[in-house]
């Protein structure tokens, strides 16, 4: 078995802070972690739309993300037990990644018109495996990185996470215009291989304190520690903030691909625009996010990036107003590129700061369970509120829908003075 590698608290400056083995691991796992989610929320919705499945039904498919909201229930098991050949974290990562590869490829055997229940079941399996992978990858990243590296490491992770959408949201869409959907899912599944290989070559992170010796220690102690550290009142404010901060942009992008298709864009056009606008915007967001979080800190990053991700929602509203609400106006590919680019840039930045905040809020002794608890709460809007998006659009139209999403992005921002004050001296305490 590979020996554990410990995070160092030695301050590293210059290019070595961003280009080292630990940061490259964050990039690889960011891509691997994001791929299954974007398959479920981008590629799956495009597939169903192309096969003439009702938009309301497509919106309800957001409910397959149910495991993301409840992953804290089995995260203690992943803290307590492990595979003997790979170690505490790597074993669970290897198992979930290989299983995901098989499950994604299996999608190609079914048709939305005749096998919809089977597709729903398989999508649920992918969501469960993806949520399980996220639990252990989040724990590994928190244990791998030093406190000084959390901001930049998380920024690179999140932007690699966002960049993974280019496979199901771009490459796979383009391929679907030339080959069968079965081949599309086979090829898409193969992009899990880089994560599998990375898991096999990395080392286990250092263990902080003693691993849980019983299920009681694995389940009860992480929750007790969080409440004792923060107090009930502040703990509830933190949980409310985690729930609300990404609500608006999550709903706004839930039906993005069906929205583009309804505007009249071909899947190839969507794929090409996403590849160019989304890729370069994500790269820029990754670089600037890492630098800005290092310079400004996590707290100010939440303020600045939160404003940008809210403004990005208005881009969708503008696109809907000019292309949907105005009959006879040809959809603008340039405007589509600007909207996708702004969303990829702004939301990537906001997610980087948000995830770094969650990381610094966890105790390194209970990383899997506490990280899973916080990210589960953050996934609630994506699962349950996003399931309503098809019905909201049917009642309001696209333009009003995006204005509603913009309004829902504001409550989380209003909690920032209490949760993450602008004063850099008030940065979240890490453990």
Protein backbone atom coordinates (compact mmCIF):
# COMPACT_ATOMS: atom_id res chain seq x y z
CA UNK A 1 0.00 0.00 0.00
CA UNK A 2 1.21 3.49 -0.72
CA UNK A 3 2.30 5.45 2.30
CA UNK A 4 0.26 8.45 3.53
CA UNK A 5 1.28 11.91 2.42
CA UNK A 6 0.83 14.74 4.89
CA UNK A 7 -0.18 18.27 4.09
CA UNK A 8 2.49 20.76 5.01
CA UNK A 9 1.80 24.12 6.59
CA UNK A 10 4.95 25.61 5.08
CA UNK A 11 4.02 28.67 3.07
CA UNK A 12 4.88 28.20 -0.59
CA UNK A 13 4.91 31.21 -2.88
CA UNK A 14 5.23 31.82 -6.58
CA UNK A 15 4.33 29.41 -9.35
CA UNK A 16 5.15 26.39 -7.16
CA UNK A 17 2.04 27.24 -5.10
CA UNK A 18 -0.17 26.46 -8.09
CA UNK A 19 1.86 23.94 -10.07
CA UNK A 20 2.74 21.06 -7.80
CA UNK A 21 1.66 17.46 -7.33
CA UNK A 22 -1.10 18.28 -4.84
CA UNK A 23 -2.68 20.88 -7.14
CA UNK A 24 -2.56 18.51 -10.11
CA UNK A 25 -4.37 15.90 -8.01
CA UNK A 26 -7.05 18.51 -7.28
CA UNK A 27 -7.44 19.19 -11.02
CA UNK A 28 -7.77 15.50 -11.93
CA UNK A 29 -10.27 14.77 -9.17
CA UNK A 30 -12.23 17.93 -9.93
CA UNK A 31 -12.77 16.70 -13.49
CA UNK A 32 -13.67 13.20 -12.35
CA UNK A 33 -16.05 14.47 -9.69
CA UNK A 34 -17.94 16.81 -12.02
CA UNK A 35 -18.34 14.46 -15.00
CA UNK A 36 -21.17 12.24 -13.64
CA UNK A 37 -23.15 15.24 -12.37
CA UNK A 38 -23.04 17.02 -15.72
CA UNK A 39 -23.97 13.81 -17.50
CA UNK A 40 -27.13 13.73 -15.39
CA UNK A 41 -27.98 17.41 -15.72
CA UNK A 42 -26.65 18.30 -19.21
CA UNK A 43 -26.35 15.24 -21.43
CA UNK A 44 -29.35 13.39 -20.02
CA UNK A 45 -31.65 16.41 -20.47
CA UNK A 46 -30.43 16.95 -24.06
CA UNK A 47 -30.99 13.24 -24.82
CA UNK A 48 -34.52 13.34 -23.41
CA UNK A 49 -35.31 16.59 -25.26
CA UNK A 50 -34.03 15.15 -28.55
CA UNK A 51 -36.28 12.12 -28.04
CA UNK A 52 -39.32 14.42 -27.52
CA UNK A 53 -39.76 13.77 -23.81
CA UNK A 54 -42.02 16.38 -22.16
CA UNK A 55 -40.20 19.37 -20.62
CA UNK A 56 -41.99 18.92 -17.28
CA UNK A 57 -40.78 15.32 -17.14
CA UNK A 58 -37.25 16.45 -17.95
CA UNK A 59 -37.42 18.91 -15.05
CA UNK A 60 -38.54 16.11 -12.72
CA UNK A 61 -35.36 14.21 -13.59
CA UNK A 62 -33.61 16.58 -11.17
CA UNK A 63 -35.01 14.30 -8.46
CA UNK A 64 -32.48 11.63 -9.46
CA UNK A 65 -30.00 13.84 -7.60
CA UNK A 66 -31.67 12.75 -4.35
CA UNK A 67 -28.54 10.87 -3.16
CA UNK A 68 -26.54 14.13 -3.21
CA UNK A 69 -28.82 15.53 -0.48
CA UNK A 70 -28.54 12.49 1.79
CA UNK A 71 -24.93 11.43 1.33
CA UNK A 72 -24.11 12.42 4.92
CA UNK A 73 -26.12 9.32 5.96
CA UNK A 74 -23.56 6.86 4.61
CA UNK A 75 -20.46 9.08 4.78
CA UNK A 76 -19.70 7.80 8.35
CA UNK A 77 -19.40 4.29 6.89
CA UNK A 78 -16.73 5.59 4.52
CA UNK A 79 -14.89 7.12 7.49
CA UNK A 80 -15.18 3.93 9.55
CA UNK A 81 -14.54 1.16 6.99
CA UNK A 82 -12.12 0.84 4.09
CA UNK A 83 -10.86 -1.58 1.46
CA UNK A 84 -7.70 -3.36 2.68
CA UNK A 85 -5.78 -3.22 -0.61
CA UNK A 86 -6.13 0.49 -1.34
CA UNK A 87 -6.44 2.35 1.94
CA UNK A 88 -9.06 4.45 3.72
CA UNK A 89 -9.75 6.93 0.90
CA UNK A 90 -8.34 5.39 -2.29
CA UNK A 91 -10.34 2.17 -1.96
CA UNK A 92 -13.69 3.93 -1.98
CA UNK A 93 -12.58 6.20 -4.82
CA UNK A 94 -11.49 3.28 -7.00
CA UNK A 95 -14.69 1.31 -6.39
CA UNK A 96 -17.02 4.26 -7.13
CA UNK A 97 -15.09 5.38 -10.24
CA UNK A 98 -15.05 1.94 -11.87
CA UNK A 99 -18.74 1.43 -11.05
CA UNK A 100 -19.54 4.86 -12.54
CA UNK A 101 -17.74 4.00 -15.76
CA UNK A 102 -19.86 0.87 -16.14
CA UNK A 103 -23.14 2.59 -15.20
CA UNK A 104 -22.65 5.52 -17.60
CA UNK A 105 -21.82 3.19 -20.49
CA UNK A 106 -24.96 1.14 -19.67
CA UNK A 107 -27.17 4.18 -20.41
CA UNK A 108 -26.67 3.52 -24.11
CA UNK A 109 -28.62 0.26 -23.97
CA UNK A 110 -31.95 2.03 -23.33
CA UNK A 111 -34.38 4.31 -25.19
CA UNK A 112 -36.25 7.19 -23.49
CA UNK A 113 -39.39 6.34 -25.47
CA UNK A 114 -39.63 2.70 -24.35
CA UNK A 115 -37.36 2.33 -21.31
CA UNK A 116 -37.91 5.50 -19.29
CA UNK A 117 -38.29 3.68 -15.90
CA UNK A 118 -34.98 1.85 -16.52
CA UNK A 119 -33.28 5.16 -17.38
CA UNK A 120 -34.64 6.74 -14.19
CA UNK A 121 -33.28 3.80 -12.15
CA UNK A 122 -29.88 3.91 -13.83
CA UNK A 123 -29.68 7.69 -13.39
CA UNK A 124 -30.36 7.16 -9.69
CA UNK A 125 -27.54 4.60 -9.51
CA UNK A 126 -25.16 7.05 -11.20
CA UNK A 127 -26.21 9.79 -8.75
CA UNK A 128 -25.60 7.47 -5.76
CA UNK A 129 -22.16 6.42 -7.01
CA UNK A 130 -21.27 10.01 -7.90
CA UNK A 131 -22.32 11.25 -4.45
CA UNK A 132 -20.23 8.48 -2.86
CA UNK A 133 -17.24 9.46 -4.98
CA UNK A 134 -17.69 13.10 -3.92
CA UNK A 135 -17.68 12.14 -0.23
CA UNK A 136 -14.29 10.53 -0.37
CA UNK A 137 -12.72 12.96 -2.86
CA UNK A 138 -13.77 15.93 -0.69
CA UNK A 139 -12.30 14.23 2.36
CA UNK A 140 -9.09 13.36 0.50
CA UNK A 141 -8.67 16.95 -0.74
CA UNK A 142 -9.23 18.45 2.73
CA UNK A 143 -6.65 16.06 4.21
CA UNK A 144 -4.17 16.50 1.34
CA UNK A 145 -3.98 20.31 1.28
CA UNK A 146 -2.51 22.54 3.96
CA UNK A 147 -4.56 25.45 5.29
CA UNK A 148 -2.59 27.83 3.05
CA UNK A 149 -3.48 25.75 -0.01
CA UNK A 150 -7.22 25.35 0.61
CA UNK A 151 -8.24 28.46 -1.35
CA UNK A 152 -6.08 27.91 -4.43
CA UNK A 153 -6.50 24.11 -4.37
CA UNK A 154 -10.25 24.39 -4.13
CA UNK A 155 -10.34 26.99 -6.93
CA UNK A 156 -8.44 24.62 -9.25
CA UNK A 157 -10.66 21.68 -8.18
CA UNK A 158 -13.89 23.60 -8.80
CA UNK A 159 -12.81 24.92 -12.17
CA UNK A 160 -11.72 21.46 -13.30
CA UNK A 161 -15.12 20.34 -12.02
CA UNK A 162 -16.75 22.96 -14.21
CA UNK A 163 -14.55 22.11 -17.19
CA UNK A 164 -15.76 18.51 -17.07
CA UNK A 165 -19.08 19.80 -18.42
CA UNK A 166 -17.32 20.21 -21.77
CA UNK A 167 -17.49 16.44 -22.25
CA UNK A 168 -21.24 15.82 -21.76
CA UNK A 169 -22.19 19.42 -22.57
CA UNK A 170 -20.07 19.83 -25.69
CA UNK A 171 -18.22 16.80 -27.08
CA UNK A 172 -21.06 14.37 -26.43
CA UNK A 173 -23.65 16.73 -27.93
CA UNK A 174 -21.58 17.17 -31.08
CA UNK A 175 -21.08 13.41 -31.36
CA UNK A 176 -24.84 12.84 -31.01
CA UNK A 177 -25.39 14.56 -34.37
CA UNK A 178 -23.14 12.00 -36.10
CA UNK A 179 -23.30 8.72 -34.16
CA UNK A 180 -25.90 6.81 -32.15
CA UNK A 181 -26.64 7.72 -28.53
CA UNK A 182 -25.29 4.31 -27.54
CA UNK A 183 -21.84 5.20 -28.90
CA UNK A 184 -22.10 8.65 -27.27
CA UNK A 185 -22.54 7.12 -23.82
CA UNK A 186 -19.72 4.60 -24.40
CA UNK A 187 -17.29 7.40 -25.29
CA UNK A 188 -18.50 9.65 -22.45
CA UNK A 189 -17.99 6.85 -19.91
CA UNK A 190 -14.33 6.47 -20.93
CA UNK A 191 -13.59 9.94 -19.52
CA UNK A 192 -13.80 8.37 -16.05
CA UNK A 193 -10.50 6.60 -16.77
CA UNK A 194 -8.20 9.56 -15.85
CA UNK A 195 -9.72 9.54 -12.36
CA UNK A 196 -9.25 5.79 -12.03
CA UNK A 197 -5.59 6.07 -13.05
CA UNK A 198 -5.00 8.99 -10.68
CA UNK A 199 -6.47 7.00 -7.79
CA UNK A 200 -4.11 4.11 -8.51
CA UNK A 201 -0.93 6.24 -8.52
CA UNK A 202 -1.53 8.66 -5.63
CA UNK A 203 -0.78 8.06 -1.96
CA UNK A 204 -3.09 8.05 1.01
CA UNK A 205 -3.35 11.39 2.89
CA UNK A 206 -2.23 11.75 6.49
CA UNK A 207 -4.72 10.77 9.20
CA UNK A 208 -5.53 13.50 11.73
CA UNK A 209 -6.18 11.89 15.09
CA UNK A 210 -7.47 8.34 15.43
CA UNK A 211 -9.92 7.02 12.83
CA UNK A 212 -13.36 6.22 14.27
CA UNK A 213 -13.26 3.01 16.21
CA UNK A 214 -17.02 2.47 16.10
CA UNK A 215 -20.02 3.61 14.12
CA UNK A 216 -21.08 5.74 17.10
CA UNK A 217 -17.82 7.68 16.92
CA UNK A 218 -18.14 7.97 13.13
CA UNK A 219 -21.76 9.21 13.26
CA UNK A 220 -22.20 11.18 16.51
CA UNK A 221 -18.85 12.87 17.11
CA UNK A 222 -18.70 14.90 13.84
CA UNK A 223 -22.09 16.48 14.56
CA UNK A 224 -21.23 17.10 18.23
CA UNK A 225 -17.96 18.76 17.27
CA UNK A 226 -19.63 21.11 14.77
CA UNK A 227 -22.37 22.21 17.20
CA UNK A 228 -19.92 22.59 20.11
CA UNK A 229 -17.48 24.63 17.99
CA UNK A 230 -20.04 26.99 16.50
CA UNK A 231 -22.90 26.97 19.00
CA UNK A 232 -26.46 26.18 17.94
CA UNK A 233 -27.31 29.67 16.73
CA UNK A 234 -24.25 30.21 14.53
CA UNK A 235 -24.37 26.61 13.30
CA UNK A 236 -27.91 27.18 12.01
CA UNK A 237 -26.82 30.41 10.28
CA UNK A 238 -23.98 28.52 8.57
CA UNK A 239 -26.36 25.79 7.40
CA UNK A 240 -28.85 28.38 6.08
CA UNK A 241 -26.08 30.12 4.16
CA UNK A 242 -24.88 26.84 2.63
CA UNK A 243 -28.46 26.11 1.54
CA UNK A 244 -29.11 29.53 -0.02
CA UNK A 245 -25.82 30.68 -1.57
CA UNK A 246 -26.06 28.62 -4.78
CA UNK A 247 -29.87 28.42 -5.02
CA UNK A 248 -30.34 30.98 -7.79
CA UNK A 249 -27.65 29.88 -10.23
CA UNK A 250 -28.45 26.20 -9.62
CA UNK A 251 -32.06 26.69 -10.74
CA UNK A 252 -31.04 28.96 -13.63
CA UNK A 253 -28.84 26.28 -15.20
CA UNK A 254 -31.11 23.29 -14.48
CA UNK A 255 -32.75 23.43 -17.92
CA UNK A 256 -30.00 25.30 -19.76
CA UNK A 257 -29.55 22.78 -22.59
CA UNK A 258 -33.31 22.38 -23.31
CA UNK A 259 -33.50 26.20 -23.20
CA UNK A 260 -30.81 26.53 -25.87
CA UNK A 261 -32.50 23.86 -28.01
CA UNK A 262 -35.85 25.64 -27.69
CA UNK A 263 -34.21 28.85 -28.89
CA UNK A 264 -33.43 27.05 -32.15
CA UNK A 265 -29.76 26.14 -31.70
CA UNK A 266 -28.60 22.73 -32.92
CA UNK A 267 -26.84 20.37 -30.54
CA UNK A 268 -23.66 20.81 -32.57
CA UNK A 269 -23.85 24.60 -32.25
CA UNK A 270 -24.47 24.31 -28.51
CA UNK A 271 -21.56 21.94 -28.20
CA UNK A 272 -19.16 24.11 -30.20
CA UNK A 273 -20.13 27.31 -28.38
CA UNK A 274 -19.88 25.60 -25.00
CA UNK A 275 -16.45 24.26 -25.95
CA UNK A 276 -15.06 27.63 -26.94
CA UNK A 277 -16.85 30.09 -24.65
CA UNK A 278 -17.16 27.75 -21.69
CA UNK A 279 -13.62 26.35 -21.91
CA UNK A 280 -11.74 29.64 -22.04
CA UNK A 281 -14.00 31.26 -19.47
CA UNK A 282 -13.48 28.30 -17.12
CA UNK A 283 -9.71 28.45 -17.61
CA UNK A 284 -9.72 32.18 -16.87
CA UNK A 285 -11.93 31.59 -13.85
CA UNK A 286 -9.62 28.86 -12.60
CA UNK A 287 -6.50 31.02 -12.80
CA UNK A 288 -8.08 34.21 -11.47
CA UNK A 289 -10.06 32.34 -8.80
CA UNK A 290 -6.94 30.75 -7.38
CA UNK A 291 -5.06 34.07 -7.39
CA UNK A 292 -7.94 36.14 -6.01
CA UNK A 293 -8.71 33.72 -3.19
CA UNK A 294 -5.03 33.70 -2.28
CA UNK A 295 -4.92 37.53 -2.25
CA UNK A 296 -8.35 38.43 -0.86
CA UNK A 297 -9.19 35.40 1.29
CA UNK A 298 -12.26 33.18 1.25
CA UNK A 299 -14.59 35.72 2.86
CA UNK A 300 -14.11 38.50 0.30
CA UNK A 301 -14.18 35.91 -2.46
CA UNK A 302 -17.70 34.93 -1.36
CA UNK A 303 -18.80 38.58 -1.66
CA UNK A 304 -17.20 39.40 -5.00
CA UNK A 305 -17.88 36.09 -6.72
CA UNK A 306 -21.40 35.92 -5.32
CA UNK A 307 -22.27 39.20 -7.04
CA UNK A 308 -20.80 37.97 -10.33
CA UNK A 309 -22.74 34.67 -10.29
CA UNK A 310 -25.99 36.56 -9.61
CA UNK A 311 -25.32 38.92 -12.53
CA UNK A 312 -24.63 35.90 -14.78
CA UNK A 313 -28.26 34.81 -14.29
CA UNK A 314 -29.44 38.06 -15.89
CA UNK A 315 -27.57 37.00 -19.04
CA UNK A 316 -30.02 34.11 -19.43
CA UNK A 317 -32.92 36.53 -18.93
CA UNK A 318 -31.55 38.84 -21.64
CA UNK A 319 -31.14 35.91 -24.03
CA UNK A 320 -34.71 34.79 -23.34
CA UNK A 321 -36.08 38.31 -23.80
CA UNK A 322 -34.43 38.88 -27.17
CA UNK A 323 -34.85 35.41 -28.63
CA UNK A 324 -38.07 34.04 -27.12
CA UNK A 325 -40.20 37.01 -26.22
CA UNK A 326 -39.52 38.75 -29.53
CA UNK A 327 -41.01 36.71 -32.41
CA UNK A 328 -39.02 36.68 -35.61
CA UNK A 329 -35.70 37.54 -34.01
CA UNK A 330 -33.03 35.06 -35.00
CA UNK A 331 -31.12 33.54 -32.07
CA UNK A 332 -27.67 35.05 -31.74
CA UNK A 333 -24.78 32.61 -31.51
CA UNK A 334 -22.57 35.44 -30.25
CA UNK A 335 -25.01 36.21 -27.44
CA UNK A 336 -25.23 32.51 -26.60
CA UNK A 337 -21.45 32.40 -26.31
CA UNK A 338 -21.38 35.46 -24.07
CA UNK A 339 -24.04 34.01 -21.77
CA UNK A 340 -22.33 30.62 -21.51
CA UNK A 341 -18.94 32.27 -21.02
CA UNK A 342 -20.16 34.60 -18.28
CA UNK A 343 -21.90 31.73 -16.51
CA UNK A 344 -18.83 29.48 -16.69
CA UNK A 345 -16.57 32.26 -15.42
CA UNK A 346 -18.77 33.71 -12.67
CA UNK A 347 -20.31 30.55 -11.30
CA UNK A 348 -16.93 28.83 -11.33
CA UNK A 349 -15.51 31.63 -9.21
CA UNK A 350 -18.49 31.57 -6.82
CA UNK A 351 -18.31 27.82 -6.44
CA UNK A 352 -14.56 27.96 -5.76
CA UNK A 353 -15.02 30.39 -2.87
CA UNK A 354 -18.08 28.50 -1.61
CA UNK A 355 -16.30 25.13 -1.59
CA UNK A 356 -13.23 26.64 0.08
CA UNK A 357 -15.53 28.06 2.77
CA UNK A 358 -17.01 24.60 3.35
CA UNK A 359 -13.53 23.06 3.54
CA UNK A 360 -12.32 25.54 6.16
CA UNK A 361 -15.49 24.95 8.17
CA UNK A 362 -14.77 21.23 8.60
CA UNK A 363 -12.66 19.56 11.27
CA UNK A 364 -9.91 17.42 9.73
CA UNK A 365 -10.75 14.56 12.11
CA UNK A 366 -14.21 14.21 10.57
CA UNK A 367 -13.70 15.39 7.00
CA UNK A 368 -15.85 12.83 5.20
CA UNK A 369 -18.90 13.17 7.42
CA UNK A 370 -18.85 16.96 7.93
CA UNK A 371 -18.00 17.72 4.31
CA UNK A 372 -20.79 15.38 3.21
CA UNK A 373 -23.24 17.09 5.58
CA UNK A 374 -22.47 20.56 4.21
CA UNK A 375 -22.39 19.58 0.53
CA UNK A 376 -25.59 17.53 0.99
CA UNK A 377 -27.35 20.64 2.20
CA UNK A 378 -25.95 22.60 -0.74
CA UNK A 379 -27.34 19.94 -3.09
CA UNK A 380 -30.92 20.29 -1.81
CA UNK A 381 -31.80 23.20 -4.16
CA UNK A 382 -30.26 21.35 -7.11
CA UNK A 383 -32.41 18.30 -6.38
CA UNK A 384 -35.77 19.49 -5.13
CA UNK A 385 -36.09 23.08 -6.36
CA UNK A 386 -34.67 22.18 -9.78
CA UNK A 387 -37.36 19.51 -10.12
CA UNK A 388 -39.91 22.33 -10.19
CA UNK A 389 -38.16 24.34 -12.89
CA UNK A 390 -40.08 22.72 -15.76
CA UNK A 391 -43.40 23.60 -14.12
CA UNK A 392 -42.26 27.17 -13.36
CA UNK A 393 -41.17 27.73 -16.97
CA UNK A 394 -44.50 26.35 -18.21
CA UNK A 395 -46.34 28.91 -16.08
CA UNK A 396 -44.09 31.99 -16.41
CA UNK A 397 -42.05 31.62 -19.56
CA UNK A 398 -38.26 31.70 -19.72
CA UNK A 399 -37.75 35.44 -19.09
CA UNK A 400 -39.74 35.63 -15.84
CA UNK A 401 -38.25 32.31 -14.75
CA UNK A 402 -34.70 33.69 -14.93
CA UNK A 403 -35.74 36.84 -13.06
CA UNK A 404 -37.09 34.58 -10.29
CA UNK A 405 -33.74 32.75 -10.23
CA UNK A 406 -31.92 36.10 -9.91
CA UNK A 407 -34.13 37.05 -6.93
CA UNK A 408 -33.38 33.69 -5.29
CA UNK A 409 -29.64 34.40 -5.54
CA UNK A 410 -29.96 37.38 -3.17
CA UNK A 411 -30.92 35.83 0.24
CA UNK A 412 -27.60 33.96 0.48
CA UNK A 413 -25.72 37.20 -0.20
CA UNK A 414 -27.65 38.92 2.62
CA UNK A 415 -26.25 36.37 5.10
CA UNK A 416 -22.62 37.18 4.26
CA UNK A 417 -22.17 39.94 6.91
CA UNK A 418 -22.94 37.36 9.58
CA UNK A 419 -21.32 34.28 8.06
CA UNK A 420 -18.30 35.71 6.24
CA UNK A 421 -17.68 39.38 7.17
CA UNK A 422 -15.78 41.48 4.67
CA UNK A 423 -13.15 42.10 7.34
CA UNK A 424 -10.35 39.66 6.47
CA UNK A 425 -9.58 39.18 10.15
CA UNK A 426 -12.83 37.28 10.39
CA UNK A 427 -11.91 34.46 8.00
CA UNK A 428 -13.48 31.09 8.87
CA UNK A 429 -11.46 29.19 11.40
CA UNK A 430 -9.92 25.99 10.10
CA UNK A 431 -9.37 22.87 12.08
